[in-house]
């Protein structure tokens, strides 16, 4: 998964969260927090993978 895939997935999840929340901002906000945590984890993992790749090729 690359950064473009992560951002695209984030947007899709945000759109789905809004539909599922059915206008309930409290529910939507809870889902948005979870989505942001997922994005953070995915980006950190991507960075770690790239750092490891740099060390292997160095």
PDB file of N, CA and C in Angstrom:
ATOM      1  N   UNK A   1       0.857  -1.172   0.000  1.00  0.00           N
ATOM      2  CA  UNK A   1       0.000   0.000   0.000  1.00  0.00           C
ATOM      3  C   UNK A   1       0.902   1.233   0.000  1.00  0.00           C
ATOM      4  N   UNK A   2       0.582   2.194  -0.857  1.00  0.00           N
ATOM      5  CA  UNK A   2       1.358   3.428  -0.903  1.00  0.00           C
ATOM      6  C   UNK A   2       0.521   4.588  -0.358  1.00  0.00           C
ATOM      7  N   UNK A   3       1.125   5.758  -0.311  1.00  0.00           N
ATOM      8  CA  UNK A   3       0.434   6.907   0.302  1.00  0.00           C
ATOM      9  C   UNK A   3      -0.850   7.254  -0.453  1.00  0.00           C
ATOM     10  N   UNK A   4      -0.840   7.115  -1.763  1.00  0.00           N
ATOM     11  CA  UNK A   4      -2.040   7.405  -2.549  1.00  0.00           C
ATOM     12  C   UNK A   4      -3.172   6.445  -2.161  1.00  0.00           C
ATOM     13  N   UNK A   5      -2.842   5.165  -2.006  1.00  0.00           N
ATOM     14  CA  UNK A   5      -3.845   4.171  -1.596  1.00  0.00           C
ATOM     15  C   UNK A   5      -4.417   4.490  -0.213  1.00  0.00           C
ATOM     16  N   UNK A   6      -3.545   4.912   0.693  1.00  0.00           N
ATOM     17  CA  UNK A   6      -3.980   5.234   2.057  1.00  0.00           C
ATOM     18  C   UNK A   6      -4.950   6.410   2.043  1.00  0.00           C
ATOM     19  N   UNK A   7      -4.595   7.471   1.308  1.00  0.00           N
ATOM     20  CA  UNK A   7      -5.451   8.664   1.253  1.00  0.00           C
ATOM     21  C   UNK A   7      -6.771   8.349   0.552  1.00  0.00           C
ATOM     22  N   UNK A   8      -6.715   7.572  -0.517  1.00  0.00           N
ATOM     23  CA  UNK A   8      -7.943   7.180  -1.218  1.00  0.00           C
ATOM     24  C   UNK A   8      -8.843   6.362  -0.293  1.00  0.00           C
ATOM     25  N   UNK A   9      -8.255   5.422   0.425  1.00  0.00           N
ATOM     26  CA  UNK A   9      -9.026   4.612   1.375  1.00  0.00           C
ATOM     27  C   UNK A   9      -9.630   5.478   2.469  1.00  0.00           C
ATOM     28  N   UNK A  10      -8.846   6.454   2.937  1.00  0.00           N
ATOM     29  CA  UNK A  10      -9.342   7.355   3.976  1.00  0.00           C
ATOM     30  C   UNK A  10     -10.584   8.086   3.480  1.00  0.00           C
ATOM     31  N   UNK A  11     -10.529   8.618   2.274  1.00  0.00           N
ATOM     32  CA  UNK A  11     -11.671   9.365   1.744  1.00  0.00           C
ATOM     33  C   UNK A  11     -12.890   8.462   1.594  1.00  0.00           C
ATOM     34  N   UNK A  12     -12.675   7.241   1.125  1.00  0.00           N
ATOM     35  CA  UNK A  12     -13.784   6.294   0.987  1.00  0.00           C
ATOM     36  C   UNK A  12     -14.399   5.970   2.347  1.00  0.00           C
ATOM     37  N   UNK A  13     -13.555   5.768   3.355  1.00  0.00           N
ATOM     38  CA  UNK A  13     -14.058   5.458   4.697  1.00  0.00           C
ATOM     39  C   UNK A  13     -14.810   6.645   5.296  1.00  0.00           C
ATOM     40  N   UNK A  14     -14.313   7.853   5.063  1.00  0.00           N
ATOM     41  CA  UNK A  14     -14.991   9.052   5.570  1.00  0.00           C
ATOM     42  C   UNK A  14     -16.375   9.171   4.932  1.00  0.00           C
ATOM     43  N   UNK A  15     -16.442   8.948   3.624  1.00  0.00           N
ATOM     44  CA  UNK A  15     -17.734   9.004   2.934  1.00  0.00           C
ATOM     45  C   UNK A  15     -18.696   7.950   3.485  1.00  0.00           C
ATOM     46  N   UNK A  16     -18.195   6.733   3.693  1.00  0.00           N
ATOM     47  CA  UNK A  16     -19.038   5.663   4.235  1.00  0.00           C
ATOM     48  C   UNK A  16     -19.465   5.968   5.669  1.00  0.00           C
ATOM     49  N   UNK A  17     -18.552   6.540   6.441  1.00  0.00           N
ATOM     50  CA  UNK A  17     -18.877   6.884   7.831  1.00  0.00           C
ATOM     51  C   UNK A  17     -20.012   7.896   7.870  1.00  0.00           C
ATOM     52  N   UNK A  18     -19.967   8.872   6.975  1.00  0.00           N
ATOM     53  CA  UNK A  18     -21.013   9.891   6.946  1.00  0.00           C
ATOM     54  C   UNK A  18     -22.363   9.255   6.622  1.00  0.00           C
ATOM     55  N   UNK A  19     -22.359   8.342   5.647  1.00  0.00           N
ATOM     56  CA  UNK A  19     -23.603   7.655   5.291  1.00  0.00           C
ATOM     57  C   UNK A  19     -24.113   6.809   6.459  1.00  0.00           C
ATOM     58  N   UNK A  20     -23.213   6.067   7.091  1.00  0.00           N
ATOM     59  CA  UNK A  20     -23.612   5.202   8.207  1.00  0.00           C
ATOM     60  C   UNK A  20     -24.095   5.999   9.418  1.00  0.00           C
ATOM     61  N   UNK A  21     -23.484   7.160   9.643  1.00  0.00           N
ATOM     62  CA  UNK A  21     -23.872   7.982  10.791  1.00  0.00           C
ATOM     63  C   UNK A  21     -25.250   8.599  10.587  1.00  0.00           C
ATOM     64  N   UNK A  22     -25.672   8.683   9.339  1.00  0.00           N
ATOM     65  CA  UNK A  22     -27.010   9.182   9.019  1.00  0.00           C
ATOM     66  C   UNK A  22     -27.280  10.546   9.654  1.00  0.00           C
ATOM     67  N   UNK A  23     -26.276  11.425   9.569  1.00  0.00           N
ATOM     68  CA  UNK A  23     -26.439  12.784  10.080  1.00  0.00           C
ATOM     69  C   UNK A  23     -26.145  12.960  11.558  1.00  0.00           C
ATOM     70  N   UNK A  24     -25.846  11.884  12.271  1.00  0.00           N
ATOM     71  CA  UNK A  24     -25.536  11.972  13.700  1.00  0.00           C
ATOM     72  C   UNK A  24     -24.060  12.333  13.856  1.00  0.00           C
ATOM     73  N   UNK A  25     -23.794  13.593  14.189  1.00  0.00           N
ATOM     74  CA  UNK A  25     -22.414  14.075  14.256  1.00  0.00           C
ATOM     75  C   UNK A  25     -21.587  13.372  15.321  1.00  0.00           C
ATOM     76  N   UNK A  26     -22.200  13.003  16.425  1.00  0.00           N
ATOM     77  CA  UNK A  26     -21.454  12.316  17.478  1.00  0.00           C
ATOM     78  C   UNK A  26     -20.957  10.953  16.987  1.00  0.00           C
ATOM     79  N   UNK A  27     -21.826  10.233  16.316  1.00  0.00           N
ATOM     80  CA  UNK A  27     -21.442   8.931  15.759  1.00  0.00           C
ATOM     81  C   UNK A  27     -20.377   9.125  14.687  1.00  0.00           C
ATOM     82  N   UNK A  28     -20.586  10.104  13.814  1.00  0.00           N
ATOM     83  CA  UNK A  28     -19.625  10.380  12.746  1.00  0.00           C
ATOM     84  C   UNK A  28     -18.258  10.742  13.320  1.00  0.00           C
ATOM     85  N   UNK A  29     -18.236  11.576  14.342  1.00  0.00           N
ATOM     86  CA  UNK A  29     -16.964  11.983  14.947  1.00  0.00           C
ATOM     87  C   UNK A  29     -16.214  10.792  15.534  1.00  0.00           C
ATOM     88  N   UNK A  30     -16.928   9.869  16.157  1.00  0.00           N
ATOM     89  CA  UNK A  30     -16.279   8.661  16.692  1.00  0.00           C
ATOM     90  C   UNK A  30     -15.651   7.847  15.567  1.00  0.00           C
ATOM     91  N   UNK A  31     -16.378   7.696  14.479  1.00  0.00           N
ATOM     92  CA  UNK A  31     -15.838   6.950  13.342  1.00  0.00           C
ATOM     93  C   UNK A  31     -14.661   7.693  12.717  1.00  0.00           C
ATOM     94  N   UNK A  32     -14.747   9.012  12.645  1.00  0.00           N
ATOM     95  CA  UNK A  32     -13.663   9.807  12.065  1.00  0.00           C
ATOM     96  C   UNK A  32     -12.380   9.666  12.880  1.00  0.00           C
ATOM     97  N   UNK A  33     -12.505   9.625  14.192  1.00  0.00           N
ATOM     98  CA  UNK A  33     -11.329   9.432  15.054  1.00  0.00           C
ATOM     99  C   UNK A  33     -10.689   8.075  14.747  1.00  0.00           C
ATOM    100  N   UNK A  34     -11.505   7.045  14.631  1.00  0.00           N
ATOM    101  CA  UNK A  34     -10.982   5.705  14.328  1.00  0.00           C
ATOM    102  C   UNK A  34     -10.311   5.682  12.952  1.00  0.00           C
ATOM    103  N   UNK A  35     -10.910   6.341  11.985  1.00  0.00           N
ATOM    104  CA  UNK A  35     -10.323   6.411  10.642  1.00  0.00           C
ATOM    105  C   UNK A  35      -8.977   7.127  10.692  1.00  0.00           C
ATOM    106  N   UNK A  36      -8.911   8.229  11.406  1.00  0.00           N
ATOM    107  CA  UNK A  36      -7.653   8.972  11.513  1.00  0.00           C
ATOM    108  C   UNK A  36      -6.573   8.152  12.204  1.00  0.00           C
ATOM    109  N   UNK A  37      -6.948   7.366  13.198  1.00  0.00           N
ATOM    110  CA  UNK A  37      -5.979   6.493  13.868  1.00  0.00           C
ATOM    111  C   UNK A  37      -5.466   5.432  12.899  1.00  0.00           C
ATOM    112  N   UNK A  38      -6.358   4.883  12.077  1.00  0.00           N
ATOM    113  CA  UNK A  38      -5.956   3.900  11.076  1.00  0.00           C
ATOM    114  C   UNK A  38      -4.975   4.527  10.086  1.00  0.00           C
ATOM    115  N   UNK A  39      -5.300   5.738   9.610  1.00  0.00           N
ATOM    116  CA  UNK A  39      -4.416   6.433   8.664  1.00  0.00           C
ATOM    117  C   UNK A  39      -3.050   6.665   9.301  1.00  0.00           C
ATOM    118  N   UNK A  40      -3.037   7.105  10.544  1.00  0.00           N
ATOM    119  CA  UNK A  40      -1.780   7.343  11.249  1.00  0.00           C
ATOM    120  C   UNK A  40      -0.944   6.063  11.311  1.00  0.00           C
ATOM    121  N   UNK A  41      -1.574   4.961  11.679  1.00  0.00           N
ATOM    122  CA  UNK A  41      -0.862   3.679  11.748  1.00  0.00           C
ATOM    123  C   UNK A  41      -0.332   3.254  10.382  1.00  0.00           C
ATOM    124  N   UNK A  42      -1.142   3.425   9.358  1.00  0.00           N
ATOM    125  CA  UNK A  42      -0.716   3.029   8.014  1.00  0.00           C
ATOM    126  C   UNK A  42       0.453   3.887   7.533  1.00  0.00           C
ATOM    127  N   UNK A  43       0.398   5.195   7.791  1.00  0.00           N
ATOM    128  CA  UNK A  43       1.489   6.075   7.370  1.00  0.00           C
ATOM    129  C   UNK A  43       2.770   5.772   8.140  1.00  0.00           C
ATOM    130  N   UNK A  44       2.644   5.502   9.427  1.00  0.00           N
ATOM    131  CA  UNK A  44       3.826   5.136  10.224  1.00  0.00           C
ATOM    132  C   UNK A  44       4.437   3.836   9.699  1.00  0.00           C
ATOM    133  N   UNK A  45       3.596   2.877   9.392  1.00  0.00           N
ATOM    134  CA  UNK A  45       4.068   1.602   8.865  1.00  0.00           C
ATOM    135  C   UNK A  45       4.771   1.804   7.525  1.00  0.00           C
ATOM    136  N   UNK A  46       4.200   2.640   6.683  1.00  0.00           N
ATOM    137  CA  UNK A  46       4.801   2.935   5.385  1.00  0.00           C
ATOM    138  C   UNK A  46       6.173   3.582   5.562  1.00  0.00           C
ATOM    139  N   UNK A  47       6.273   4.524   6.481  1.00  0.00           N
ATOM    140  CA  UNK A  47       7.551   5.194   6.749  1.00  0.00           C
ATOM    141  C   UNK A  47       8.586   4.199   7.266  1.00  0.00           C
ATOM    142  N   UNK A  48       8.179   3.326   8.177  1.00  0.00           N
ATOM    143  CA  UNK A  48       9.102   2.327   8.725  1.00  0.00           C
ATOM    144  C   UNK A  48       9.582   1.387   7.628  1.00  0.00           C
ATOM    145  N   UNK A  49       8.677   0.989   6.750  1.00  0.00           N
ATOM    146  CA  UNK A  49       9.040   0.106   5.645  1.00  0.00           C
ATOM    147  C   UNK A  49      10.046   0.789   4.728  1.00  0.00           C
ATOM    148  N   UNK A  50       9.823   2.077   4.448  1.00  0.00           N
ATOM    149  CA  UNK A  50      10.744   2.806   3.582  1.00  0.00           C
ATOM    150  C   UNK A  50      12.094   3.002   4.254  1.00  0.00           C
ATOM    151  N   UNK A  51      12.101   3.251   5.564  1.00  0.00           N
ATOM    152  CA  UNK A  51      13.364   3.399   6.292  1.00  0.00           C
ATOM    153  C   UNK A  51      14.151   2.095   6.253  1.00  0.00           C
ATOM    154  N   UNK A  52      13.457   0.973   6.441  1.00  0.00           N
ATOM    155  CA  UNK A  52      14.124  -0.329   6.393  1.00  0.00           C
ATOM    156  C   UNK A  52      14.693  -0.578   5.004  1.00  0.00           C
ATOM    157  N   UNK A  53      13.950  -0.180   3.989  1.00  0.00           N
ATOM    158  CA  UNK A  53      14.403  -0.356   2.614  1.00  0.00           C
ATOM    159  C   UNK A  53      15.661   0.465   2.349  1.00  0.00           C
ATOM    160  N   UNK A  54      15.714   1.673   2.889  1.00  0.00           N
ATOM    161  CA  UNK A  54      16.883   2.531   2.719  1.00  0.00           C
ATOM    162  C   UNK A  54      18.092   1.893   3.384  1.00  0.00           C
ATOM    163  N   UNK A  55      17.902   1.334   4.576  1.00  0.00           N
ATOM    164  CA  UNK A  55      19.010   0.702   5.297  1.00  0.00           C
ATOM    165  C   UNK A  55      19.511  -0.543   4.563  1.00  0.00           C
ATOM    166  N   UNK A  56      18.604  -1.276   3.953  1.00  0.00           N
ATOM    167  CA  UNK A  56      18.990  -2.486   3.227  1.00  0.00           C
ATOM    168  C   UNK A  56      19.808  -2.123   1.993  1.00  0.00           C
ATOM    169  N   UNK A  57      19.412  -1.035   1.315  1.00  0.00           N
ATOM    170  CA  UNK A  57      20.090  -0.635   0.085  1.00  0.00           C
ATOM    171  C   UNK A  57      21.339   0.192   0.334  1.00  0.00           C
ATOM    172  N   UNK A  58      21.544   0.640   1.544  1.00  0.00           N
ATOM    173  CA  UNK A  58      22.705   1.495   1.836  1.00  0.00           C
ATOM    174  C   UNK A  58      23.985   0.703   1.943  1.00  0.00           C
TER     175      UNK A  58
END
